[in-house]
N, C-alpha and C. Protein backbone atom coordinates (compact mmCIF):
# COMPACT_ATOMS: atom_id res chain seq x y z
N MET A 1 0.79 -1.01 -0.10
CA MET A 1 0.09 -0.09 -0.08
C MET A 1 0.62 1.55 -0.16
N CYS A 2 1.28 1.89 -1.02
CA CYS A 2 1.64 3.13 -1.43
C CYS A 2 0.94 4.11 -1.78
N CYS A 3 1.31 5.49 -1.69
CA CYS A 3 0.65 6.12 -1.95
C CYS A 3 1.42 6.86 -3.56
N GLU A 4 0.56 8.01 -4.00
CA GLU A 4 1.53 8.43 -5.58
C GLU A 4 3.31 9.02 -4.92
N SER A 5 2.43 9.85 -3.86
CA SER A 5 3.95 11.04 -3.20
C SER A 5 4.80 10.08 -3.14
N ASP A 6 4.50 8.95 -2.81
CA ASP A 6 5.86 7.38 -2.26
C ASP A 6 6.45 7.40 -3.52
N LEU A 7 5.16 7.17 -5.08
CA LEU A 7 6.45 6.31 -6.02
C LEU A 7 7.31 7.76 -6.95
N HIS A 8 6.66 8.99 -6.56
CA HIS A 8 7.31 10.52 -6.92
C HIS A 8 8.49 10.37 -6.16
N SER A 9 8.79 10.18 -5.10
CA SER A 9 9.87 10.19 -4.05
C SER A 9 11.32 9.32 -5.04
N VAL A 10 10.25 8.07 -5.00
CA VAL A 10 11.33 6.74 -5.31
C VAL A 10 11.80 7.50 -6.75
N LYS A 11 11.04 7.74 -7.79
CA LYS A 11 11.66 8.16 -9.37
C LYS A 11 12.15 9.58 -8.96
N LEU A 12 12.33 10.51 -7.95
CA LEU A 12 13.15 11.65 -7.70
C LEU A 12 14.82 11.03 -7.15
N LEU A 13 14.54 9.84 -6.19
CA LEU A 13 15.78 9.34 -5.67
C LEU A 13 16.54 8.60 -6.98
N ARG A 14 15.81 7.90 -7.72
CA ARG A 14 16.72 7.34 -8.91
C ARG A 14 17.23 8.01 -9.66
N HIS A 15 16.33 8.86 -10.25
CA HIS A 15 17.08 9.98 -11.27
C HIS A 15 18.07 10.82 -10.11
N SER A 16 18.44 11.48 -9.13
CA SER A 16 19.49 11.90 -8.60
C SER A 16 20.48 11.05 -8.78
N PHE A 17 20.14 9.60 -8.28
CA PHE A 17 21.34 8.89 -8.10
C PHE A 17 22.03 8.75 -9.42
N ALA A 18 21.19 8.44 -10.59
CA ALA A 18 21.62 8.22 -11.66
C ALA A 18 22.55 9.29 -12.29
N VAL A 19 22.07 10.67 -11.83
CA VAL A 19 23.20 11.80 -12.19
C VAL A 19 23.98 11.93 -11.73
N ALA A 20 23.95 11.44 -9.90
CA ALA A 20 25.15 11.83 -9.25
C ALA A 20 26.38 10.58 -9.33
N ILE A 21 25.55 9.40 -9.89
CA ILE A 21 26.99 8.61 -10.04
C ILE A 21 27.56 8.67 -11.04
N GLN A 22 27.09 9.30 -12.27
CA GLN A 22 27.85 9.53 -13.75
C GLN A 22 29.20 9.98 -13.64
N PRO A 23 29.94 10.79 -13.03
CA PRO A 23 31.60 10.93 -12.62
C PRO A 23 32.00 9.73 -12.25
N CYS A 24 31.64 9.39 -11.27
CA CYS A 24 32.30 8.02 -10.52
C CYS A 24 32.43 7.20 -12.10
N LEU A 25 31.39 6.45 -12.31
CA LEU A 25 31.05 5.54 -13.61
C LEU A 25 32.12 5.95 -14.76
N ARG A 26 32.23 7.15 -15.18
CA ARG A 26 33.48 7.82 -16.02
C ARG A 26 34.85 7.51 -15.63
N MET A 27 34.69 7.69 -14.38
CA MET A 27 36.22 7.92 -14.30
C MET A 27 36.55 6.24 -13.77
N ILE A 28 35.91 5.35 -13.48
CA ILE A 28 35.86 3.62 -13.41
C ILE A 28 36.40 3.28 -14.97
N ALA A 29 35.61 3.93 -16.13
CA ALA A 29 35.15 3.36 -17.34
C ALA A 29 36.79 3.88 -17.62
N ASP A 30 37.11 5.08 -17.75
CA ASP A 30 38.07 5.70 -18.14
C ASP A 30 39.47 4.88 -17.75
N PHE A 31 39.90 4.97 -16.40
CA PHE A 31 40.73 3.66 -15.93
C PHE A 31 40.95 2.42 -16.39
N ILE A 32 39.72 1.86 -16.65
CA ILE A 32 39.83 0.10 -16.87
C ILE A 32 40.02 0.14 -18.38
N TYR A 33 39.65 1.48 -19.23
CA TYR A 33 39.88 1.15 -20.99
C TYR A 33 41.17 2.03 -21.05
N THR A 34 41.43 3.00 -20.71
CA THR A 34 42.54 3.86 -20.78
C THR A 34 44.07 3.40 -19.87
N GLY A 35 43.86 3.25 -18.70
CA GLY A 35 44.84 3.15 -17.49
C GLY A 35 44.97 4.47 -17.10
N ASP A 36 43.87 5.33 -17.17
CA ASP A 36 44.11 6.72 -16.80
C ASP A 36 42.99 7.63 -16.37
N PHE A 37 42.81 8.68 -15.43
CA PHE A 37 41.73 9.08 -15.32
C PHE A 37 41.46 10.20 -15.35
N ASN A 38 40.66 11.43 -15.41
CA ASN A 38 40.52 12.83 -14.70
C ASN A 38 39.35 12.94 -13.93
N ASP A 39 40.34 13.55 -12.42
CA ASP A 39 39.61 13.41 -11.35
C ASP A 39 39.95 14.80 -10.53
N PRO A 40 39.16 15.72 -10.95
CA PRO A 40 39.46 17.20 -10.94
C PRO A 40 39.13 17.59 -9.53
N PHE A 41 38.75 16.91 -8.71
CA PHE A 41 37.94 17.34 -7.53
C PHE A 41 38.73 16.26 -6.33
N ASN A 42 39.26 15.16 -6.71
CA ASN A 42 40.10 13.97 -6.10
C ASN A 42 39.12 13.75 -4.84
N GLU A 43 37.91 12.77 -5.86
CA GLU A 43 37.52 12.19 -5.03
C GLU A 43 37.08 10.74 -5.57
N PHE A 44 37.76 10.21 -6.47
CA PHE A 44 38.00 8.89 -7.03
C PHE A 44 39.04 8.31 -6.09
N PHE A 45 38.29 6.95 -5.83
CA PHE A 45 38.99 6.16 -4.81
C PHE A 45 40.31 5.32 -5.06
N VAL A 46 40.73 5.81 -6.27
CA VAL A 46 42.20 5.90 -7.17
C VAL A 46 42.87 7.00 -6.91
N GLU A 47 43.99 6.94 -6.61
CA GLU A 47 44.60 8.09 -6.42
C GLU A 47 46.01 8.11 -7.19
N LYS A 48 46.10 9.40 -7.53
CA LYS A 48 47.28 9.83 -8.33
C LYS A 48 48.60 10.27 -7.12
N LEU A 49 49.81 9.71 -7.66
CA LEU A 49 50.71 10.28 -6.35
C LEU A 49 51.91 10.75 -7.24
N TYR A 50 51.93 12.14 -7.62
CA TYR A 50 53.20 12.58 -8.64
C TYR A 50 54.62 12.38 -7.89
N ARG A 51 55.44 12.35 -8.53
CA ARG A 51 57.02 12.10 -8.18
C ARG A 51 57.37 13.50 -8.24
N LYS A 52 58.30 13.52 -7.53
CA LYS A 52 59.21 15.13 -7.39
C LYS A 52 59.94 15.13 -8.94
N LYS A 53 60.13 16.20 -8.94
CA LYS A 53 60.68 16.61 -10.75
C LYS A 53 62.47 15.94 -10.05
N LYS A 54 62.63 15.72 -10.99
CA LYS A 54 64.32 15.24 -10.88
C LYS A 54 65.35 16.32 -11.41
N SER A 55 66.23 16.49 -11.53
CA SER A 55 67.16 17.18 -11.93
C SER A 55 66.84 17.23 -13.42
N LYS A 56 67.22 18.55 -13.87
CA LYS A 56 66.92 18.42 -15.53
C LYS A 56 68.36 17.71 -16.34
N LYS A 57 69.35 17.05 -15.83
CA LYS A 57 69.73 16.11 -16.57
C LYS A 57 69.16 15.11 -16.37
N THR A 58 68.16 14.83 -15.74
CA THR A 58 67.53 13.42 -16.26
C THR A 58 66.16 13.76 -16.83
N THR A 59 66.05 13.55 -17.71
CA THR A 59 64.35 14.39 -18.34
C THR A 59 64.20 12.87 -18.74
N ARG A 60 62.69 12.94 -18.24
CA ARG A 60 61.30 11.78 -19.23
C ARG A 60 61.35 11.76 -20.48
N SER A 61 60.86 10.88 -21.13
CA SER A 61 60.45 10.65 -22.25
C SER A 61 58.49 11.76 -21.99
N SER A 62 58.17 12.40 -22.94
CA SER A 62 57.23 12.79 -22.87
C SER A 62 55.82 11.95 -22.51
N SER A 63 56.20 10.67 -23.05
CA SER A 63 55.26 9.30 -23.07
C SER A 63 55.30 8.67 -21.70
N GLU A 64 56.43 8.88 -20.81
CA GLU A 64 56.58 8.54 -19.56
C GLU A 64 55.65 9.15 -18.74
N LYS A 65 54.89 8.71 -17.45
CA LYS A 65 54.01 9.59 -16.51
C LYS A 65 54.86 9.96 -15.23
N ASP A 66 54.35 11.40 -14.84
CA ASP A 66 55.34 11.36 -13.67
C ASP A 66 54.47 11.70 -12.51
N PHE A 67 53.53 10.18 -12.23
CA PHE A 67 52.77 9.90 -11.51
C PHE A 67 52.62 8.37 -11.55
N VAL A 68 52.15 7.94 -9.91
CA VAL A 68 51.63 6.57 -10.24
C VAL A 68 50.39 6.56 -9.41
N PHE A 69 49.92 5.21 -9.44
CA PHE A 69 48.57 5.07 -9.12
C PHE A 69 48.01 4.51 -7.71
N LYS A 70 47.60 4.71 -6.55
CA LYS A 70 47.60 4.11 -5.29
C LYS A 70 46.10 4.33 -5.00
N LEU A 71 45.65 2.87 -4.40
CA LEU A 71 44.35 2.94 -3.91
C LEU A 71 44.50 3.65 -2.50
N THR A 72 43.01 4.32 -2.50
CA THR A 72 43.00 5.04 -1.41
C THR A 72 42.98 3.86 -0.11
N ALA A 73 43.61 5.24 1.03
CA ALA A 73 43.88 4.72 2.28
C ALA A 73 41.95 5.08 3.12
N ASP A 74 41.02 5.93 1.90
CA ASP A 74 40.03 6.43 3.24
C ASP A 74 38.96 6.06 2.33
N PRO A 75 38.20 4.87 3.25
CA PRO A 75 37.34 3.94 3.04
C PRO A 75 35.78 4.88 2.52
N LYS A 76 35.79 5.82 3.23
CA LYS A 76 34.69 6.94 2.63
C LYS A 76 34.70 7.36 1.04
N LYS A 77 36.07 7.12 0.23
CA LYS A 77 35.97 7.07 -1.25
C LYS A 77 35.33 6.09 -1.77
N ILE A 78 35.48 4.57 -1.71
CA ILE A 78 34.94 3.40 -2.00
C ILE A 78 33.82 3.33 -1.92
N PRO A 79 33.01 3.66 -3.04
CA PRO A 79 31.51 3.65 -3.01
C PRO A 79 30.54 2.52 -2.37
N SER A 80 29.67 2.84 -1.53
CA SER A 80 29.06 1.08 -0.55
C SER A 80 28.79 0.12 -2.23
N PHE A 81 27.88 0.57 -3.15
CA PHE A 81 27.81 -0.29 -4.32
C PHE A 81 28.81 -0.92 -4.56
N LEU A 82 29.92 -0.78 -4.31
CA LEU A 82 31.27 -1.35 -5.13
C LEU A 82 31.50 -1.98 -3.81
N GLY A 83 31.98 -1.97 -2.59
CA GLY A 83 32.81 -2.59 -1.74
C GLY A 83 34.31 -2.50 -2.18
N ASP A 84 34.81 -2.84 -0.84
CA ASP A 84 36.47 -3.18 -0.60
C ASP A 84 36.96 -3.99 -2.11
N GLN A 85 35.96 -5.54 -2.48
CA GLN A 85 36.72 -6.07 -3.40
C GLN A 85 37.05 -5.53 -4.80
N ILE A 86 36.11 -4.90 -5.33
CA ILE A 86 35.56 -4.75 -6.75
C ILE A 86 36.33 -3.21 -6.57
N ALA A 87 36.68 -2.43 -6.11
CA ALA A 87 37.37 -1.23 -5.57
C ALA A 87 38.92 -1.80 -6.03
N LEU A 88 39.45 -3.06 -5.66
CA LEU A 88 40.39 -3.33 -5.44
C LEU A 88 40.99 -4.17 -7.08
N ALA A 89 39.60 -4.68 -7.90
CA ALA A 89 39.61 -5.57 -8.95
C ALA A 89 39.97 -4.38 -9.58
N ILE A 90 39.26 -3.11 -9.59
CA ILE A 90 39.35 -1.79 -10.63
C ILE A 90 40.43 -1.31 -10.70
N PHE A 91 40.99 -1.46 -9.34
CA PHE A 91 42.46 -0.28 -9.18
C PHE A 91 43.63 -1.65 -10.00
N LYS A 92 43.59 -3.00 -9.85
CA LYS A 92 44.55 -3.73 -10.61
C LYS A 92 44.16 -3.87 -11.86
N VAL A 93 43.17 -3.69 -12.35
CA VAL A 93 42.91 -3.61 -13.63
C VAL A 93 43.35 -2.33 -14.44
N GLY A 94 42.94 -1.51 -14.09
CA GLY A 94 43.50 0.17 -14.61
C GLY A 94 45.09 0.32 -14.30
N SER A 95 45.42 -0.15 -13.01
CA SER A 95 46.73 -0.27 -13.05
C SER A 95 47.71 -0.99 -14.01
N HIS A 96 47.29 -1.77 -14.53
CA HIS A 96 47.97 -2.75 -15.34
C HIS A 96 48.06 -2.71 -16.78
N VAL A 97 46.34 -1.88 -17.28
CA VAL A 97 45.84 -0.81 -18.67
C VAL A 97 46.99 0.09 -18.36
N GLY A 98 47.42 0.38 -17.15
CA GLY A 98 48.22 1.98 -17.87
C GLY A 98 49.89 1.28 -17.99
N LEU A 99 49.84 0.29 -16.98
CA LEU A 99 51.36 -0.46 -17.67
C LEU A 99 51.53 -0.89 -19.25
N LEU A 100 50.43 -1.35 -19.70
CA LEU A 100 50.25 -1.97 -20.94
C LEU A 100 50.32 -0.31 -22.13
N GLN A 101 49.90 0.50 -21.45
CA GLN A 101 49.98 1.44 -22.66
C GLN A 101 50.96 2.36 -22.22
N ALA A 102 51.73 2.05 -21.81
CA ALA A 102 53.02 2.74 -21.47
C ALA A 102 54.13 1.95 -22.09
N LEU A 103 54.13 1.07 -22.30
CA LEU A 103 55.03 -0.65 -22.51
C LEU A 103 54.67 0.05 -23.87
N ASP A 104 53.12 0.03 -24.34
CA ASP A 104 52.96 0.33 -26.05
C ASP A 104 54.02 0.85 -26.81
N ASP A 105 54.68 1.79 -26.78
CA ASP A 105 55.68 2.31 -27.26
C ASP A 105 57.14 1.27 -27.65
N TYR A 106 57.00 0.63 -26.30
CA TYR A 106 58.22 0.12 -26.52
C TYR A 106 58.69 -1.30 -26.74
N SER A 107 57.42 -2.00 -27.57
CA SER A 107 57.27 -3.28 -27.79
C SER A 107 56.27 -3.79 -28.64
N PRO A 108 56.52 -4.65 -29.93
CA PRO A 108 55.44 -4.84 -30.71
C PRO A 108 54.89 -5.86 -30.13
N GLU A 109 55.51 -6.80 -29.06
CA GLU A 109 54.28 -7.74 -28.89
C GLU A 109 53.62 -7.42 -27.87
N ILE A 110 53.43 -6.16 -27.05
CA ILE A 110 52.41 -5.39 -26.37
C ILE A 110 51.29 -5.30 -26.82
N LYS A 111 51.55 -4.65 -27.88
CA LYS A 111 50.18 -4.42 -29.01
C LYS A 111 49.48 -5.67 -29.57
N ASP A 112 50.43 -6.83 -29.77
CA ASP A 112 50.14 -8.27 -29.96
C ASP A 112 48.86 -8.88 -28.99
N LEU A 113 49.87 -8.67 -27.44
CA LEU A 113 49.24 -8.79 -26.39
C LEU A 113 47.63 -8.29 -26.14
N LYS A 114 48.07 -6.69 -26.37
CA LYS A 114 46.61 -6.40 -26.11
C LYS A 114 45.66 -6.41 -27.27
N SER A 115 45.77 -6.91 -28.28
CA SER A 115 44.64 -7.05 -29.00
C SER A 115 44.37 -8.41 -29.19
N MET A 116 44.85 -9.73 -28.52
CA MET A 116 44.17 -10.84 -27.96
C MET A 116 43.54 -10.37 -26.86
N LEU A 117 44.07 -9.36 -25.77
CA LEU A 117 42.88 -9.26 -24.72
C LEU A 117 41.68 -8.46 -25.13
N SER A 118 41.77 -7.77 -26.16
CA SER A 118 40.34 -7.09 -26.59
C SER A 118 39.60 -8.04 -27.43
N LYS A 119 40.19 -8.67 -28.04
CA LYS A 119 39.35 -9.70 -28.45
C LYS A 119 38.83 -11.01 -27.44
N THR A 120 39.37 -11.23 -26.49
CA THR A 120 39.41 -12.01 -25.24
C THR A 120 37.48 -11.38 -24.59
N MET A 121 38.05 -10.16 -24.28
CA MET A 121 37.32 -9.42 -23.65
C MET A 121 35.87 -8.97 -24.30
N ASP A 122 35.74 -9.35 -25.69
CA ASP A 122 35.16 -9.28 -26.52
C ASP A 122 34.22 -10.51 -26.72
N LYS A 123 34.76 -11.57 -26.77
CA LYS A 123 33.99 -12.84 -26.25
C LYS A 123 33.42 -12.92 -25.14
N LEU A 124 34.21 -12.94 -24.08
CA LEU A 124 33.25 -12.80 -23.11
C LEU A 124 32.09 -11.85 -22.60
N GLU A 125 32.48 -10.67 -23.09
CA GLU A 125 31.21 -9.82 -23.31
C GLU A 125 30.30 -10.18 -24.29
N HIS A 126 30.67 -10.87 -25.15
CA HIS A 126 29.26 -11.68 -25.65
C HIS A 126 28.56 -12.75 -25.17
N ILE A 127 29.19 -13.20 -24.52
CA ILE A 127 29.24 -14.84 -23.67
C ILE A 127 28.21 -14.15 -22.54
N GLY A 128 28.91 -12.84 -21.65
CA GLY A 128 27.77 -12.17 -20.60
C GLY A 128 26.89 -11.74 -20.99
N ASN A 129 26.42 -11.42 -22.47
CA ASN A 129 25.28 -10.87 -22.90
C ASN A 129 24.11 -11.81 -22.93
N GLN A 130 24.95 -13.02 -23.70
CA GLN A 130 23.93 -14.35 -23.96
C GLN A 130 23.27 -14.53 -22.75
N LYS A 131 24.46 -15.10 -21.70
CA LYS A 131 23.40 -15.19 -20.11
C LYS A 131 22.77 -14.42 -19.95
N TYR A 132 22.53 -13.09 -19.75
CA TYR A 132 22.10 -12.16 -19.50
C TYR A 132 20.94 -12.14 -19.79
N TYR A 133 20.78 -11.96 -21.42
CA TYR A 133 19.12 -12.10 -22.08
C TYR A 133 18.94 -13.47 -21.61
N SER A 134 19.38 -14.46 -21.81
CA SER A 134 18.92 -15.78 -21.45
C SER A 134 17.89 -15.93 -19.91
N ILE A 135 18.83 -15.17 -18.80
CA ILE A 135 18.14 -15.03 -17.80
C ILE A 135 17.01 -14.15 -17.88
N CYS A 136 17.07 -13.25 -18.30
CA CYS A 136 15.81 -12.34 -18.81
C CYS A 136 14.77 -12.82 -19.09
N SER A 137 14.96 -13.94 -19.94
CA SER A 137 13.75 -14.26 -21.03
C SER A 137 13.33 -15.46 -20.62
N GLN A 138 14.42 -16.22 -19.44
CA GLN A 138 13.61 -17.24 -18.11
C GLN A 138 12.58 -16.43 -17.45
N ASN A 139 12.91 -15.50 -16.55
CA ASN A 139 12.58 -14.69 -15.55
C ASN A 139 10.98 -13.93 -16.42
N GLY A 140 11.37 -13.53 -17.55
CA GLY A 140 9.91 -12.78 -18.35
C GLY A 140 9.07 -14.06 -18.45
N ALA A 141 9.25 -15.20 -18.93
CA ALA A 141 8.36 -16.38 -19.11
C ALA A 141 7.75 -16.95 -18.30
N SER A 142 8.61 -16.32 -16.65
CA SER A 142 7.74 -17.46 -15.54
C SER A 142 6.96 -16.55 -15.09
N ASN A 143 7.04 -15.36 -15.21
CA ASN A 143 6.09 -13.97 -14.55
C ASN A 143 4.65 -14.42 -15.62
């Protein structure tokens, strides 16, 4: 027994959550697919630790990053719907993708590995979609 105002409240909360979660989802997607992210307000659960500048004698190439990634020590930065284990998995994937991106310039074998991983991910996504639609159609048929 709910009234119309409850339904409007639920709809408003869902919309607010959907809008509020977009920056977090964008940073997660960027980190997983590119190994980097843009966090202008320092709210992501992965942090960039910037290295101190070295003397002018030792200059880095333009492709070498001046930072390393670190999983936050602040538990408030990890969204409650993710949990620690998923946040750790996202951190590991993004860090490894960042490493592959950095090595991309140095080794043709890395490009082959990235291509193979991309094909594998596409296959897994296809299989996952098939299972999802299969489950949805089974649940839909039973209703």
